[in-house]
C-alpha atoms as a PDB file:
ATOM      1  CA  MET A   1      22.156 -48.128  17.928  1.00  0.00           C
ATOM      2  CA  THR A   2      21.550 -45.148  16.649  1.00  0.00           C
ATOM      3  CA  GLN A   3      22.246 -41.926  18.902  1.00  0.00           C
ATOM      4  CA  PRO A   4      19.254 -39.916  19.358  1.00  0.00           C
ATOM      5  CA  ALA A   5      18.982 -36.648  17.127  1.00  0.00           C
ATOM      6  CA  SER A   6      20.223 -33.132  19.248  1.00  0.00           C
ATOM      7  CA  GLY A   7      20.474 -29.304  18.885  1.00  0.00           C
ATOM      8  CA  GLY A   8      16.615 -29.218  19.574  1.00  0.00           C
ATOM      9  CA  PRO A   9      14.760 -28.436  23.156  1.00  0.00           C
ATOM     10  CA  THR A  10      14.464 -31.723  25.131  1.00  0.00           C
ATOM     11  CA  ALA A  11      11.759 -31.703  28.171  1.00  0.00           C
ATOM     12  CA  HIS A  12      14.693 -30.957  30.219  1.00  0.00           C
ATOM     13  CA  ASP A  13      15.998 -28.203  28.301  1.00  0.00           C
ATOM     14  CA  PRO A  14      17.673 -25.257  30.682  1.00  0.00           C
ATOM     15  CA  ARG A  15      16.877 -22.404  28.200  1.00  0.00           C
ATOM     16  CA  ALA A  16      14.055 -19.728  28.777  1.00  0.00           C
ATOM     17  CA  ARG A  17      10.835 -20.798  27.990  1.00  0.00           C
ATOM     18  CA  GLU A  18       7.781 -18.444  26.960  1.00  0.00           C
ATOM     19  CA  GLN A  19       4.174 -18.749  27.637  1.00  0.00           C
ATOM     20  CA  VAL A  20       2.199 -17.679  24.541  1.00  0.00           C
ATOM     21  CA  LEU A  21      -1.480 -18.134  22.995  1.00  0.00           C
ATOM     22  CA  VAL A  22      -1.929 -19.660  19.489  1.00  0.00           C
ATOM     23  CA  PHE A  23      -4.861 -18.137  18.015  1.00  0.00           C
ATOM     24  CA  SER A  24      -6.570 -18.336  14.628  1.00  0.00           C
ATOM     25  CA  ILE A  25      -8.133 -16.282  11.963  1.00  0.00           C
ATOM     26  CA  GLY A  26      -9.611 -18.118   9.461  1.00  0.00           C
ATOM     27  CA  ALA A  27      -7.793 -21.757   8.602  1.00  0.00           C
ATOM     28  CA  PHE A  28      -4.324 -20.161   9.918  1.00  0.00           C
ATOM     29  CA  SER A  29      -2.982 -20.126  13.020  1.00  0.00           C
ATOM     30  CA  PHE A  30      -0.863 -17.724  15.095  1.00  0.00           C
ATOM     31  CA  VAL A  31       1.552 -17.144  18.419  1.00  0.00           C
ATOM     32  CA  ILE A  32       1.788 -14.160  20.333  1.00  0.00           C
ATOM     33  CA  ALA A  33       3.682 -13.508  23.509  1.00  0.00           C
ATOM     34  CA  ALA A  34       1.032 -13.974  26.392  1.00  0.00           C
ATOM     35  CA  ALA A  35       3.258 -11.423  28.274  1.00  0.00           C
ATOM     36  CA  ALA A  36       2.127  -8.934  25.253  1.00  0.00           C
ATOM     37  CA  VAL A  37      -1.266  -8.927  25.694  1.00  0.00           C
ATOM     38  CA  GLN A  38      -3.009  -6.996  28.506  1.00  0.00           C
ATOM     39  CA  GLU A  39      -6.384  -8.477  27.939  1.00  0.00           C
ATOM     40  CA  ILE A  40      -8.736 -11.132  25.487  1.00  0.00           C
ATOM     41  CA  ARG A  41     -12.601 -10.413  25.066  1.00  0.00           C
ATOM     42  CA  ASN A  42     -15.199 -11.294  23.007  1.00  0.00           C
ATOM     43  CA  THR A  43     -16.255  -8.627  20.671  1.00  0.00           C
ATOM     44  CA  ASP A  44     -19.467  -8.416  21.880  1.00  0.00           C
ATOM     45  CA  SER A  45     -18.970  -7.264  24.884  1.00  0.00           C
ATOM     46  CA  LEU A  46     -16.741  -4.304  23.793  1.00  0.00           C
ATOM     47  CA  GLY A  47     -19.525  -2.626  23.135  1.00  0.00           C
ATOM     48  CA  GLY A  48     -19.912   0.921  24.027  1.00  0.00           C
ATOM     49  CA  SER A  49     -15.988   1.511  24.253  1.00  0.00           C
ATOM     50  CA  VAL A  50     -15.608   1.530  20.698  1.00  0.00           C
ATOM     51  CA  THR A  51     -15.543   4.195  18.303  1.00  0.00           C
ATOM     52  CA  ASP A  52     -15.263   4.223  14.460  1.00  0.00           C
ATOM     53  CA  LEU A  53     -12.845   6.005  12.621  1.00  0.00           C
ATOM     54  CA  GLU A  54     -14.098   8.774  10.396  1.00  0.00           C
ATOM     55  CA  GLN A  55     -10.808   8.768   8.586  1.00  0.00           C
ATOM     56  CA  SER A  56      -8.450   5.596   7.458  1.00  0.00           C
ATOM     57  CA  THR A  57      -6.436   5.051   5.138  1.00  0.00           C
ATOM     58  CA  ILE A  58      -5.510   1.987   6.909  1.00  0.00           C
ATOM     59  CA  SER A  59      -7.634  -0.399   5.765  1.00  0.00           C
ATOM     60  CA  LYS A  60      -6.666  -2.200   8.607  1.00  0.00           C
ATOM     61  CA  VAL A  61      -7.871   0.039  11.490  1.00  0.00           C
ATOM     62  CA  ARG A  62     -11.513   1.261  11.514  1.00  0.00           C
ATOM     63  CA  HIS A  63     -12.078   1.725  15.066  1.00  0.00           C
ATOM     64  CA  ILE A  64     -10.578   2.703  17.901  1.00  0.00           C
ATOM     65  CA  VAL A  65     -11.476   1.353  21.588  1.00  0.00           C
ATOM     66  CA  GLU A  66     -11.112   2.414  24.944  1.00  0.00           C
ATOM     67  CA  ARG A  67     -10.088  -0.111  27.605  1.00  0.00           C
ATOM     68  CA  ASP A  68      -9.201   1.063  31.485  1.00  0.00           C
ATOM     69  CA  SER A  69      -8.648   4.866  30.519  1.00  0.00           C
ATOM     70  CA  ARG A  70      -6.255   3.745  27.628  1.00  0.00           C
ATOM     71  CA  PHE A  71      -6.876   3.747  24.227  1.00  0.00           C
ATOM     72  CA  TYR A  72      -6.341   0.948  21.238  1.00  0.00           C
ATOM     73  CA  TYR A  73      -6.477   1.226  17.392  1.00  0.00           C
ATOM     74  CA  VAL A  74      -8.658  -1.898  16.510  1.00  0.00           C
ATOM     75  CA  VAL A  75      -6.262  -3.914  13.562  1.00  0.00           C
ATOM     76  CA  GLY A  76      -8.639  -6.261  11.694  1.00  0.00           C
ATOM     77  CA  GLY A  77      -5.819  -9.071  12.226  1.00  0.00           C
ATOM     78  CA  CYS A  78      -7.539 -10.722   8.654  1.00  0.00           C
ATOM     79  CA  GLU A  79      -6.514  -7.759   6.752  1.00  0.00           C
ATOM     80  CA  HIS A  80      -3.281  -7.446   8.530  1.00  0.00           C
ATOM     81  CA  PHE A  81      -2.451 -11.061   7.448  1.00  0.00           C
ATOM     82  CA  ARG A  82      -4.028 -10.386   3.871  1.00  0.00           C
ATOM     83  CA  LEU A  83      -6.294 -13.216   4.787  1.00  0.00           C
ATOM     84  CA  PRO A  84      -9.750 -13.944   3.528  1.00  0.00           C
ATOM     85  CA  ALA A  85     -12.732 -12.239   5.367  1.00  0.00           C
ATOM     86  CA  SER A  86     -13.350 -13.635   8.963  1.00  0.00           C
ATOM     87  CA  ARG A  87     -16.175 -13.406  11.315  1.00  0.00           C
ATOM     88  CA  PRO A  88     -13.870 -12.302  14.645  1.00  0.00           C
ATOM     89  CA  THR A  89     -15.147 -13.356  17.790  1.00  0.00           C
ATOM     90  CA  SER A  90     -11.977 -12.034  19.970  1.00  0.00           C
ATOM     91  CA  VAL A  91     -10.001  -8.813  20.194  1.00  0.00           C
ATOM     92  CA  LEU A  92      -6.266  -9.062  21.677  1.00  0.00           C
ATOM     93  CA  ILE A  93      -5.295  -5.899  23.518  1.00  0.00           C
ATOM     94  CA  LEU A  94      -1.369  -5.666  23.644  1.00  0.00           C
ATOM     95  CA  ARG A  95       0.128  -4.328  26.165  1.00  0.00           C
ATOM     96  CA  ASP A  96       2.801  -2.321  25.156  1.00  0.00           C
ATOM     97  CA  VAL A  97       1.596  -1.000  22.158  1.00  0.00           C
ATOM     98  CA  PRO A  98      -1.613   1.051  21.492  1.00  0.00           C
ATOM     99  CA  VAL A  99      -3.025  -1.926  19.512  1.00  0.00           C
ATOM    100  CA  ALA A 100      -6.071  -4.547  19.354  1.00  0.00           C
ATOM    101  CA  VAL A 101      -6.299  -7.204  17.407  1.00  0.00           C
ATOM    102  CA  LEU A 102      -9.499  -8.905  15.484  1.00  0.00           C
ATOM    103  CA  VAL A 103      -8.992 -12.437  16.198  1.00  0.00           C
ATOM    104  CA  ASP A 104     -11.393 -15.269  15.193  1.00  0.00           C
ATOM    105  CA  ARG A 105     -10.494 -18.036  18.091  1.00  0.00           C
ATOM    106  CA  ILE A 106      -8.190 -18.741  20.882  1.00  0.00           C
ATOM    107  CA  GLU A 107      -6.784 -22.049  20.234  1.00  0.00           C
ATOM    108  CA  GLU A 108      -4.986 -22.226  23.362  1.00  0.00           C
ATOM    109  CA  MET A 109      -1.849 -21.656  25.727  1.00  0.00           C
ATOM    110  CA  ALA A 110       1.073 -23.049  25.542  1.00  0.00           C
ATOM    111  CA  GLU A 111       4.713 -22.893  25.882  1.00  0.00           C
ATOM    112  CA  LEU A 112       7.653 -21.628  23.203  1.00  0.00           C
ATOM    113  CA  ARG A 113      10.954 -24.010  23.692  1.00  0.00           C
ATOM    114  CA  VAL A 114      12.575 -22.882  20.406  1.00  0.00           C
ATOM    115  CA  LEU A 115      12.232 -19.664  18.270  1.00  0.00           C
ATOM    116  CA  LEU A 116      13.456 -19.893  15.052  1.00  0.00           C
ATOM    117  CA  PRO A 117      14.536 -17.223  12.610  1.00  0.00           C
ATOM    118  CA  LEU A 118      12.607 -16.138   9.687  1.00  0.00           C
ATOM    119  CA  PRO A 119      13.584 -18.042   6.469  1.00  0.00           C
ATOM    120  CA  ARG A 120      15.438 -15.652   4.012  1.00  0.00           C
ATOM    121  CA  ALA A 121      12.141 -16.336   1.754  1.00  0.00           C
ATOM    122  CA  PHE A 122      10.396 -13.720   4.033  1.00  0.00           C
ATOM    123  CA  ARG A 123      11.332 -10.279   2.185  1.00  0.00           C
ATOM    124  CA  GLY A 124       8.865  -8.164   2.252  1.00  0.00           C
ATOM    125  CA  GLU A 125       6.986  -6.942   5.762  1.00  0.00           C
ATOM    126  CA  GLU A 126       6.287  -9.725   6.848  1.00  0.00           C
ATOM    127  CA  ARG A 127       9.718  -9.599   8.400  1.00  0.00           C
ATOM    128  CA  ARG A 128       7.726  -6.815  10.568  1.00  0.00           C
ATOM    129  CA  TRP A 129       4.998  -9.007  11.122  1.00  0.00           C
ATOM    130  CA  TYR A 130       6.760 -12.239  12.833  1.00  0.00           C
ATOM    131  CA  ARG A 131       9.410 -12.605  15.272  1.00  0.00           C
ATOM    132  CA  GLY A 132      10.010 -15.837  13.898  1.00  0.00           C
ATOM    133  CA  LEU A 133       8.565 -19.206  13.761  1.00  0.00           C
ATOM    134  CA  THR A 134       8.333 -21.751  16.798  1.00  0.00           C
ATOM    135  CA  VAL A 135       7.110 -26.250  16.406  1.00  0.00           C
ATOM    136  CA  LEU A 136       4.380 -26.644  18.561  1.00  0.00           C
ATOM    137  CA  GLY A 137       3.152 -30.303  18.680  1.00  0.00           C
ATOM    138  CA  ARG A 138       3.125 -31.129  15.154  1.00  0.00           C
ATOM    139  CA  ARG A 139       2.530 -27.770  13.743  1.00  0.00           C
ATOM    140  CA  VAL A 140       5.309 -25.055  12.219  1.00  0.00           C
ATOM    141  CA  LEU A 141       3.460 -21.445  13.192  1.00  0.00           C
ATOM    142  CA  PRO A 142       4.307 -17.919  12.487  1.00  0.00           C
ATOM    143  CA  VAL A 143       5.212 -15.982  16.219  1.00  0.00           C
ATOM    144  CA  ALA A 144       3.408 -12.444  15.960  1.00  0.00           C
ATOM    145  CA  ASP A 145       5.598  -9.172  16.945  1.00  0.00           C
ATOM    146  CA  PRO A 146       2.947  -7.030  18.796  1.00  0.00           C
ATOM    147  CA  ARG A 147       5.132  -4.060  17.410  1.00  0.00           C
ATOM    148  CA  GLY A 148       4.538  -5.392  13.581  1.00  0.00           C
ATOM    149  CA  PHE A 149       0.553  -4.414  13.994  1.00  0.00           C
ATOM    150  CA  LEU A 150       0.890  -0.936  13.095  1.00  0.00           C
ATOM    151  CA  SER A 151       4.597   0.297  12.167  1.00  0.00           C
ATOM    152  CA  GLU A 152       5.361   4.082  13.817  1.00  0.00           C
ATOM    153  CA  ALA A 153       4.721   5.358   9.842  1.00  0.00           C
ATOM    154  CA  GLU A 154       1.466   3.931  10.089  1.00  0.00           C
ATOM    155  CA  LEU A 155       0.107   5.193  13.885  1.00  0.00           C
ATOM    156  CA  GLY A 156       1.944   8.429  12.744  1.00  0.00           C
ATOM    157  CA  GLN A 157      -0.383   8.308   9.873  1.00  0.00           C
ATOM    158  CA  LEU A 158      -3.616   7.620  12.257  1.00  0.00           C
ATOM    159  CA  GLU A 159      -2.623  10.046  14.551  1.00  0.00           C
ATOM    160  CA  GLU A 160      -2.744  12.847  11.612  1.00  0.00           C
ATOM    161  CA  GLN A 161      -5.899  12.030  10.013  1.00  0.00           C
ATOM    162  CA  ASN A 162      -7.698  11.774  13.236  1.00  0.00           C
ATOM    163  CA  PRO A 163      -6.540  14.884  15.467  1.00  0.00           C
ATOM    164  CA  GLY A 164      -7.857  14.508  19.023  1.00  0.00           C
ATOM    165  CA  ILE A 165      -9.711  11.111  18.566  1.00  0.00           C
ATOM    166  CA  PHE A 166      -8.599  10.195  21.840  1.00  0.00           C
ATOM    167  CA  GLN A 167      -9.848  13.155  23.714  1.00  0.00           C
ATOM    168  CA  VAL A 168     -13.022  12.892  21.602  1.00  0.00           C
ATOM    169  CA  ALA A 169     -13.460   8.858  21.767  1.00  0.00           C
ATOM    170  CA  GLY A 170     -12.830   9.710  25.935  1.00  0.00           C
ATOM    171  CA  ALA A 171     -15.585  11.907  26.003  1.00  0.00           C
ATOM    172  CA  GLY A 172     -18.077   9.710  23.938  1.00  0.00           C
ATOM    173  CA  VAL A 173     -17.033   7.130  26.823  1.00  0.00           C
ATOM    174  CA  GLN A 174     -17.595   9.452  29.557  1.00  0.00           C
ATOM    175  CA  GLU A 175     -21.169  10.456  28.278  1.00  0.00           C
ATOM    176  CA  ARG A 176     -21.843   7.364  28.430  1.00  0.00           C
ATOM    177  CA  LYS A 177     -20.235   6.808  31.608  1.00  0.00           C
ATOM    178  CA  ARG A 178     -22.748   9.732  32.801  1.00  0.00           C
ATOM    179  CA  ALA A 179     -25.780   8.704  31.284  1.00  0.00           C
END
């Protein structure tokens, strides 16, 4: 007689569970906490609320978007994760950070039952990108940290390079609303 393996969560595991969103960029899948996402939009539906940044030494940020009187830096998911170029069709507008992330598609909503620490092989900036790893179905997926898309230094640099950009973008949005 064999004993069942223990240590992993079971269907009756009393530990807290977290609702997550599984998204993909190219052939790669990622997870982010559903509570960290304010809104999911189709890139075509953003239209007039997008403003190009005139200056950006941060190559993964080329635009800002206005939603509900708030502004978000649009981070290219491919550039952020250093993946081959793809055609994003959706944007994740994040809740507690001024960031919107371009992704290729939303795969599913799921329940995160276990969050594993990053292996020590993750030594560089990816330690800031991810909260850890999780297992969904038969896949091990990285769990994105919403604060990892733009560091405080990068946010400061964007503000410094584009002073008043949010006011300029807001004026453009107001003009379009009046027309």
